[in-house]
Amino acid sequence: MNGTAALLALTLLVASIVDARADISSTITLSSDYDFRGMTQSALDPALSASLDWTNESGFYLGTWASNVDFGAKSDLEVDAIAGYRGQFNDDTGFDIGTNYYSFWPDDDDSNYAEIYAGLSYKAVSVKAWHAPDYFNSGEKAFYFEANATIPLPADFDLTLHAGYNTGDYWKVFYEGSYVDYSIVLSKAIGSFALALKWIDGSDLRSADGTPGNIFSTESKVFFSVATTLPW
């Protein structure tokens, strides 16, 4: 079963679980590309993703997330496992810490890896730091630092600004070094659906700007997504 077919089956399973368990939520997203830190994971082709999330009133949460990918002949499905803890210092300031384990199917080169993260938020602004001791099971470490801000607009639109900085030995060994990615998102909720139009630019990583077959390309792009969270 290829990655897209497996993901469709997983999405149906997730929807049935959410219907049966009101304390569990799921977000299903269809987008024109799967972007990860300015680098396409689906070779600029459409992506279907689904999550299954459980959050305890204490702030502890668990989740899994899956999407089709296009790593050439290597992998066509990503499945992540997530665990963390979030809370509030006061009404305006919050925190989020946790870990994410990324797995890829099939994966002849065993690129699975774990990443830890810690973030702070103040009103509509947030910052987060990520660290992978063995990024893509390469034997090299990587860091990612990001800042985000969401600005309410008229007619219930939101504008989200993002900047991220990728650095660490992995980028020095396998690419030309650190790079910055940016994005601007215009979003709006219509009923049970969230629509987003997003501009992304990771072309600061010049060696991956327009790669053959668009595998892991970082060229600037615009994509559209529609998402819904269950239960409605």
C-alpha atoms as a PDB file:
ATOM      1  CA  MET A   1       0.000   0.000   0.000  1.00  0.00           C
ATOM      2  CA  ASN A   2       1.521   3.371  -1.014  1.00  0.00           C
ATOM      3  CA  GLY A   3       1.699   6.327   1.327  1.00  0.00           C
ATOM      4  CA  THR A   4      -1.404   8.136   0.048  1.00  0.00           C
ATOM      5  CA  ALA A   5      -3.625   5.048   0.269  1.00  0.00           C
ATOM      6  CA  ALA A   6      -2.323   4.244   3.752  1.00  0.00           C
ATOM      7  CA  LEU A   7      -2.979   7.819   4.853  1.00  0.00           C
ATOM      8  CA  LEU A   8      -6.546   7.752   3.520  1.00  0.00           C
ATOM      9  CA  ALA A   9      -7.175   4.576   5.519  1.00  0.00           C
ATOM     10  CA  LEU A  10      -5.620   6.162   8.610  1.00  0.00           C
ATOM     11  CA  THR A  11      -7.779   9.280   8.192  1.00  0.00           C
ATOM     12  CA  LEU A  12     -10.964   7.199   8.149  1.00  0.00           C
ATOM     13  CA  LEU A  13      -9.791   5.320  11.239  1.00  0.00           C
ATOM     14  CA  VAL A  14      -9.005   8.574  13.046  1.00  0.00           C
ATOM     15  CA  ALA A  15     -12.455   9.978  12.252  1.00  0.00           C
ATOM     16  CA  SER A  16     -14.152   6.872  13.646  1.00  0.00           C
ATOM     17  CA  ILE A  17     -12.098   7.027  16.864  1.00  0.00           C
ATOM     18  CA  VAL A  18     -12.918  10.707  17.393  1.00  0.00           C
ATOM     19  CA  ASP A  19     -16.633  10.030  16.923  1.00  0.00           C
ATOM     20  CA  ALA A  20     -16.418   7.354  19.621  1.00  0.00           C
ATOM     21  CA  ARG A  21     -14.297   9.357  22.072  1.00  0.00           C
ATOM     22  CA  ALA A  22     -15.381  12.916  22.761  1.00  0.00           C
ATOM     23  CA  ASP A  23     -12.198  13.651  24.743  1.00  0.00           C
ATOM     24  CA  ILE A  24     -10.010  13.077  21.658  1.00  0.00           C
ATOM     25  CA  SER A  25      -9.677  15.516  18.762  1.00  0.00           C
ATOM     26  CA  SER A  26      -8.357  15.228  15.252  1.00  0.00           C
ATOM     27  CA  THR A  27      -7.337  17.747  12.600  1.00  0.00           C
ATOM     28  CA  ILE A  28      -7.462  16.749   8.936  1.00  0.00           C
ATOM     29  CA  THR A  29      -5.723  19.022   6.430  1.00  0.00           C
ATOM     30  CA  LEU A  30      -5.524  19.063   2.651  1.00  0.00           C
ATOM     31  CA  SER A  31      -2.844  21.368   1.269  1.00  0.00           C
ATOM     32  CA  SER A  32      -1.194  22.035  -2.061  1.00  0.00           C
ATOM     33  CA  ASP A  33       2.234  21.216  -0.569  1.00  0.00           C
ATOM     34  CA  TYR A  34       3.769  19.846   2.620  1.00  0.00           C
ATOM     35  CA  ASP A  35       6.279  22.418   3.808  1.00  0.00           C
ATOM     36  CA  PHE A  36       8.709  21.795   6.660  1.00  0.00           C
ATOM     37  CA  ARG A  37      10.828  24.774   7.650  1.00  0.00           C
ATOM     38  CA  GLY A  38      10.891  26.177   4.140  1.00  0.00           C
ATOM     39  CA  MET A  39      11.664  22.812   2.498  1.00  0.00           C
ATOM     40  CA  THR A  40       9.013  20.839   0.612  1.00  0.00           C
ATOM     41  CA  GLN A  41       8.446  17.300   1.863  1.00  0.00           C
ATOM     42  CA  SER A  42       6.059  16.365  -0.966  1.00  0.00           C
ATOM     43  CA  ALA A  43       8.061  17.622  -3.969  1.00  0.00           C
ATOM     44  CA  LEU A  44       5.641  20.563  -4.317  1.00  0.00           C
ATOM     45  CA  ASP A  45       2.715  18.150  -4.761  1.00  0.00           C
ATOM     46  CA  PRO A  46      -0.520  18.144  -2.687  1.00  0.00           C
ATOM     47  CA  ALA A  47      -0.467  16.612   0.795  1.00  0.00           C
ATOM     48  CA  LEU A  48      -3.101  15.068   3.022  1.00  0.00           C
ATOM     49  CA  SER A  49      -2.388  15.006   6.751  1.00  0.00           C
ATOM     50  CA  ALA A  50      -4.290  13.813   9.814  1.00  0.00           C
ATOM     51  CA  SER A  51      -3.650  14.095  13.541  1.00  0.00           C
ATOM     52  CA  LEU A  52      -5.032  12.304  16.577  1.00  0.00           C
ATOM     53  CA  ASP A  53      -4.620  14.361  19.773  1.00  0.00           C
ATOM     54  CA  TRP A  54      -5.370  13.852  23.449  1.00  0.00           C
ATOM     55  CA  THR A  55      -4.917  16.611  26.044  1.00  0.00           C
ATOM     56  CA  ASN A  56      -5.293  16.199  29.784  1.00  0.00           C
ATOM     57  CA  GLU A  57      -6.642  19.072  31.891  1.00  0.00           C
ATOM     58  CA  SER A  58      -3.271  19.078  33.696  1.00  0.00           C
ATOM     59  CA  GLY A  59      -1.621  20.277  30.466  1.00  0.00           C
ATOM     60  CA  PHE A  60      -0.045  16.968  29.462  1.00  0.00           C
ATOM     61  CA  TYR A  61      -0.746  15.925  25.857  1.00  0.00           C
ATOM     62  CA  LEU A  62      -0.092  13.051  23.472  1.00  0.00           C
ATOM     63  CA  GLY A  63      -0.576  12.882  19.744  1.00  0.00           C
ATOM     64  CA  THR A  64       0.250  11.306  16.440  1.00  0.00           C
ATOM     65  CA  TRP A  65       0.388  12.961  13.027  1.00  0.00           C
ATOM     66  CA  ALA A  66       0.774  11.540   9.526  1.00  0.00           C
ATOM     67  CA  SER A  67       1.206  12.889   6.004  1.00  0.00           C
ATOM     68  CA  ASN A  68       2.209  11.669   2.581  1.00  0.00           C
ATOM     69  CA  VAL A  69       5.742  12.702   1.573  1.00  0.00           C
ATOM     70  CA  ASP A  70       7.893  12.405  -1.540  1.00  0.00           C
ATOM     71  CA  PHE A  71      11.519  11.587  -0.774  1.00  0.00           C
ATOM     72  CA  GLY A  72      12.110  10.115  -4.221  1.00  0.00           C
ATOM     73  CA  ALA A  73      12.543   6.331  -4.047  1.00  0.00           C
ATOM     74  CA  LYS A  74      13.135   6.483  -0.309  1.00  0.00           C
ATOM     75  CA  SER A  75       9.864   7.214   1.564  1.00  0.00           C
ATOM     76  CA  ASP A  76       6.276   8.222   0.808  1.00  0.00           C
ATOM     77  CA  LEU A  77       4.703   8.345   4.283  1.00  0.00           C
ATOM     78  CA  GLU A  78       5.639  10.186   7.489  1.00  0.00           C
ATOM     79  CA  VAL A  79       4.192   9.247  10.874  1.00  0.00           C
ATOM     80  CA  ASP A  80       5.105  11.271  13.991  1.00  0.00           C
ATOM     81  CA  ALA A  81       4.576  10.607  17.693  1.00  0.00           C
ATOM     82  CA  ILE A  82       4.293  13.612  20.013  1.00  0.00           C
ATOM     83  CA  ALA A  83       4.328  14.032  23.796  1.00  0.00           C
ATOM     84  CA  GLY A  84       4.494  17.254  25.764  1.00  0.00           C
ATOM     85  CA  TYR A  85       3.297  19.524  28.515  1.00  0.00           C
ATOM     86  CA  ARG A  86       1.887  23.037  28.158  1.00  0.00           C
ATOM     87  CA  GLY A  87       0.589  25.555  30.629  1.00  0.00           C
ATOM     88  CA  GLN A  88       0.217  29.216  31.600  1.00  0.00           C
ATOM     89  CA  PHE A  89       2.332  31.368  33.899  1.00  0.00           C
ATOM     90  CA  ASN A  90      -0.471  33.948  33.833  1.00  0.00           C
ATOM     91  CA  ASP A  91      -3.265  35.051  31.510  1.00  0.00           C
ATOM     92  CA  ASP A  92      -0.814  36.406  28.919  1.00  0.00           C
ATOM     93  CA  THR A  93       2.230  34.129  29.176  1.00  0.00           C
ATOM     94  CA  GLY A  94       2.444  30.402  28.466  1.00  0.00           C
ATOM     95  CA  PHE A  95       4.969  27.630  27.869  1.00  0.00           C
ATOM     96  CA  ASP A  96       5.196  24.399  25.885  1.00  0.00           C
ATOM     97  CA  ILE A  97       7.804  21.625  26.205  1.00  0.00           C
ATOM     98  CA  GLY A  98       7.926  18.201  24.636  1.00  0.00           C
ATOM     99  CA  THR A  99       9.372  15.776  22.129  1.00  0.00           C
ATOM    100  CA  ASN A 100       8.532  14.663  18.609  1.00  0.00           C
ATOM    101  CA  TYR A 101       9.614  11.379  17.019  1.00  0.00           C
ATOM    102  CA  TYR A 102       9.629  11.372  13.200  1.00  0.00           C
ATOM    103  CA  SER A 103       9.342   8.084  11.309  1.00  0.00           C
ATOM    104  CA  PHE A 104       9.263   7.476   7.547  1.00  0.00           C
ATOM    105  CA  TRP A 105       7.806   4.540   5.578  1.00  0.00           C
ATOM    106  CA  PRO A 106       9.308   2.652   3.879  1.00  0.00           C
ATOM    107  CA  ASP A 107      12.717   3.784   5.060  1.00  0.00           C
ATOM    108  CA  ASP A 108      15.637   1.842   3.627  1.00  0.00           C
ATOM    109  CA  ASP A 109      18.197   4.240   5.097  1.00  0.00           C
ATOM    110  CA  ASP A 110      16.544   4.446   8.545  1.00  0.00           C
ATOM    111  CA  SER A 111      16.097   8.236   8.680  1.00  0.00           C
ATOM    112  CA  ASN A 112      13.894   8.158  11.795  1.00  0.00           C
ATOM    113  CA  TYR A 113      14.893  10.608  14.508  1.00  0.00           C
ATOM    114  CA  ALA A 114      13.732  12.380  17.676  1.00  0.00           C
ATOM    115  CA  GLU A 115      13.582  16.096  18.440  1.00  0.00           C
ATOM    116  CA  ILE A 116      12.921  17.974  21.678  1.00  0.00           C
ATOM    117  CA  TYR A 117      11.403  21.432  21.922  1.00  0.00           C
ATOM    118  CA  ALA A 118      10.669  24.245  24.359  1.00  0.00           C
ATOM    119  CA  GLY A 119       8.618  27.352  23.698  1.00  0.00           C
ATOM    120  CA  LEU A 120       7.254  30.501  25.291  1.00  0.00           C
ATOM    121  CA  SER A 121       4.284  32.610  24.268  1.00  0.00           C
ATOM    122  CA  TYR A 122       3.169  36.096  25.220  1.00  0.00           C
ATOM    123  CA  LYS A 123      -0.250  37.137  23.969  1.00  0.00           C
ATOM    124  CA  ALA A 124      -0.077  36.728  20.153  1.00  0.00           C
ATOM    125  CA  VAL A 125       3.717  36.251  19.954  1.00  0.00           C
ATOM    126  CA  SER A 126       5.573  32.963  20.461  1.00  0.00           C
ATOM    127  CA  VAL A 127       9.142  31.664  20.234  1.00  0.00           C
ATOM    128  CA  LYS A 128      10.307  28.044  20.203  1.00  0.00           C
ATOM    129  CA  ALA A 129      13.619  26.183  20.115  1.00  0.00           C
ATOM    130  CA  TRP A 130      14.034  22.649  18.686  1.00  0.00           C
ATOM    131  CA  HIS A 131      17.000  20.304  19.012  1.00  0.00           C
ATOM    132  CA  ALA A 132      17.654  16.989  17.266  1.00  0.00           C
ATOM    133  CA  PRO A 133      20.754  15.205  18.638  1.00  0.00           C
ATOM    134  CA  ASP A 134      20.816  12.928  15.565  1.00  0.00           C
ATOM    135  CA  TYR A 135      18.988  14.757  12.773  1.00  0.00           C
ATOM    136  CA  PHE A 136      17.532  12.332  10.193  1.00  0.00           C
ATOM    137  CA  ASN A 137      19.712   9.652  11.821  1.00  0.00           C
ATOM    138  CA  SER A 138      22.732  11.285  10.165  1.00  0.00           C
ATOM    139  CA  GLY A 139      25.018  11.251  13.194  1.00  0.00           C
ATOM    140  CA  GLU A 140      24.923  15.068  13.219  1.00  0.00           C
ATOM    141  CA  LYS A 141      22.956  17.420  15.465  1.00  0.00           C
ATOM    142  CA  ALA A 142      20.643  20.225  14.334  1.00  0.00           C
ATOM    143  CA  PHE A 143      18.892  23.193  15.928  1.00  0.00           C
ATOM    144  CA  TYR A 144      15.858  25.185  14.849  1.00  0.00           C
ATOM    145  CA  PHE A 145      14.752  28.494  16.349  1.00  0.00           C
ATOM    146  CA  GLU A 146      11.472  30.119  15.352  1.00  0.00           C
ATOM    147  CA  ALA A 147       9.371  33.190  16.110  1.00  0.00           C
ATOM    148  CA  ASN A 148       5.707  33.645  15.232  1.00  0.00           C
ATOM    149  CA  ALA A 149       3.166  36.435  15.574  1.00  0.00           C
ATOM    150  CA  THR A 150      -0.555  36.421  14.768  1.00  0.00           C
ATOM    151  CA  ILE A 151      -2.302  39.695  13.972  1.00  0.00           C
ATOM    152  CA  PRO A 152      -6.129  39.874  13.884  1.00  0.00           C
ATOM    153  CA  LEU A 153      -7.513  41.577  10.772  1.00  0.00           C
ATOM    154  CA  PRO A 154     -10.971  42.890   9.851  1.00  0.00           C
ATOM    155  CA  ALA A 155     -13.682  40.427   8.767  1.00  0.00           C
ATOM    156  CA  ASP A 156     -12.255  37.727  11.074  1.00  0.00           C
ATOM    157  CA  PHE A 157      -9.098  37.213   9.024  1.00  0.00           C
ATOM    158  CA  ASP A 158      -5.768  36.524  10.737  1.00  0.00           C
ATOM    159  CA  LEU A 159      -2.271  37.358   9.512  1.00  0.00           C
ATOM    160  CA  THR A 160       0.515  35.116  10.853  1.00  0.00           C
ATOM    161  CA  LEU A 161       4.193  36.022  10.414  1.00  0.00           C
ATOM    162  CA  HIS A 162       6.929  33.411  10.854  1.00  0.00           C
ATOM    163  CA  ALA A 163      10.716  33.352  10.763  1.00  0.00           C
ATOM    164  CA  GLY A 164      12.910  30.327  11.468  1.00  0.00           C
ATOM    165  CA  TYR A 165      16.656  29.746  11.736  1.00  0.00           C
ATOM    166  CA  ASN A 166      18.138  26.323  10.910  1.00  0.00           C
ATOM    167  CA  THR A 167      21.652  25.639  12.177  1.00  0.00           C
ATOM    168  CA  GLY A 168      23.912  22.924  13.582  1.00  0.00           C
ATOM    169  CA  ASP A 169      26.467  20.395  12.356  1.00  0.00           C
ATOM    170  CA  TYR A 170      23.967  18.666  10.036  1.00  0.00           C
ATOM    171  CA  TRP A 171      23.588  21.772   7.894  1.00  0.00           C
ATOM    172  CA  LYS A 172      27.329  22.415   7.876  1.00  0.00           C
ATOM    173  CA  VAL A 173      28.194  18.845   6.831  1.00  0.00           C
ATOM    174  CA  PHE A 174      25.503  18.159   4.224  1.00  0.00           C
ATOM    175  CA  TYR A 175      24.683  21.661   2.961  1.00  0.00           C
ATOM    176  CA  GLU A 176      26.490  24.996   2.845  1.00  0.00           C
ATOM    177  CA  GLY A 177      25.556  25.968   6.377  1.00  0.00           C
ATOM    178  CA  SER A 178      22.753  27.614   8.333  1.00  0.00           C
ATOM    179  CA  TYR A 179      19.708  29.101   6.639  1.00  0.00           C
ATOM    180  CA  VAL A 180      16.596  31.158   7.388  1.00  0.00           C
ATOM    181  CA  ASP A 181      13.020  30.433   6.330  1.00  0.00           C
ATOM    182  CA  TYR A 182      10.080  32.839   6.296  1.00  0.00           C
ATOM    183  CA  SER A 183       6.336  32.592   5.833  1.00  0.00           C
ATOM    184  CA  ILE A 184       3.297  34.848   5.752  1.00  0.00           C
ATOM    185  CA  VAL A 185      -0.138  33.289   6.251  1.00  0.00           C
ATOM    186  CA  LEU A 186      -3.561  34.805   5.656  1.00  0.00           C
ATOM    187  CA  SER A 187      -6.216  32.622   7.291  1.00  0.00           C
ATOM    188  CA  LYS A 188      -9.935  32.625   8.006  1.00  0.00           C
ATOM    189  CA  ALA A 189     -12.331  30.215   9.697  1.00  0.00           C
ATOM    190  CA  ILE A 190     -15.560  29.503   7.819  1.00  0.00           C
ATOM    191  CA  GLY A 191     -17.863  27.293   9.824  1.00  0.00           C
ATOM    192  CA  SER A 192     -15.953  24.142  10.777  1.00  0.00           C
ATOM    193  CA  PHE A 193     -13.182  24.760   8.251  1.00  0.00           C
ATOM    194  CA  ALA A 194      -9.977  26.810   8.455  1.00  0.00           C
ATOM    195  CA  LEU A 195      -8.718  28.205   5.145  1.00  0.00           C
ATOM    196  CA  ALA A 196      -5.157  29.461   4.737  1.00  0.00           C
ATOM    197  CA  LEU A 197      -3.161  31.066   1.943  1.00  0.00           C
ATOM    198  CA  LYS A 198       0.556  30.881   2.701  1.00  0.00           C
ATOM    199  CA  TRP A 199       3.724  32.303   1.151  1.00  0.00           C
ATOM    200  CA  ILE A 200       6.904  30.438   2.111  1.00  0.00           C
ATOM    201  CA  ASP A 201      10.547  31.131   1.327  1.00  0.00           C
ATOM    202  CA  GLY A 202      13.400  28.812   2.282  1.00  0.00           C
ATOM    203  CA  SER A 203      15.619  29.808  -0.632  1.00  0.00           C
ATOM    204  CA  ASP A 204      18.273  31.118   1.755  1.00  0.00           C
ATOM    205  CA  LEU A 205      19.450  27.481   1.563  1.00  0.00           C
ATOM    206  CA  ARG A 206      20.686  28.013  -1.981  1.00  0.00           C
ATOM    207  CA  SER A 207      21.857  24.460  -2.674  1.00  0.00           C
ATOM    208  CA  ALA A 208      18.257  23.210  -2.281  1.00  0.00           C
ATOM    209  CA  ASP A 209      16.561  26.047  -4.189  1.00  0.00           C
ATOM    210  CA  GLY A 210      15.035  24.227  -7.182  1.00  0.00           C
ATOM    211  CA  THR A 211      16.380  20.690  -6.764  1.00  0.00           C
ATOM    212  CA  PRO A 212      15.888  17.937  -9.406  1.00  0.00           C
ATOM    213  CA  GLY A 213      12.323  16.671  -9.312  1.00  0.00           C
ATOM    214  CA  ASN A 214      11.665  19.282  -6.592  1.00  0.00           C
ATOM    215  CA  ILE A 215      12.733  16.718  -3.951  1.00  0.00           C
ATOM    216  CA  PHE A 216      13.465  18.781  -0.796  1.00  0.00           C
ATOM    217  CA  SER A 217      13.298  22.019  -2.800  1.00  0.00           C
ATOM    218  CA  THR A 218      13.446  25.259  -0.789  1.00  0.00           C
ATOM    219  CA  GLU A 219      12.292  27.581  -3.557  1.00  0.00           C
ATOM    220  CA  SER A 220       9.778  30.230  -2.568  1.00  0.00           C
ATOM    221  CA  LYS A 221       6.156  29.258  -3.163  1.00  0.00           C
ATOM    222  CA  VAL A 222       2.533  30.002  -2.371  1.00  0.00           C
ATOM    223  CA  PHE A 223       0.177  27.276  -1.233  1.00  0.00           C
ATOM    224  CA  PHE A 224      -3.372  26.881  -0.056  1.00  0.00           C
ATOM    225  CA  SER A 225      -4.755  24.627   2.662  1.00  0.00           C
ATOM    226  CA  VAL A 226      -8.106  23.721   4.138  1.00  0.00           C
ATOM    227  CA  ALA A 227      -8.389  22.053   7.544  1.00  0.00           C
ATOM    228  CA  THR A 228     -11.103  20.875   9.874  1.00  0.00           C
ATOM    229  CA  THR A 229     -10.943  19.709  13.478  1.00  0.00           C
ATOM    230  CA  LEU A 230     -13.159  16.883  14.726  1.00  0.00           C
ATOM    231  CA  PRO A 231     -15.449  16.488  16.507  1.00  0.00           C
ATOM    232  CA  TRP A 232     -17.428  19.352  14.964  1.00  0.00           C
END
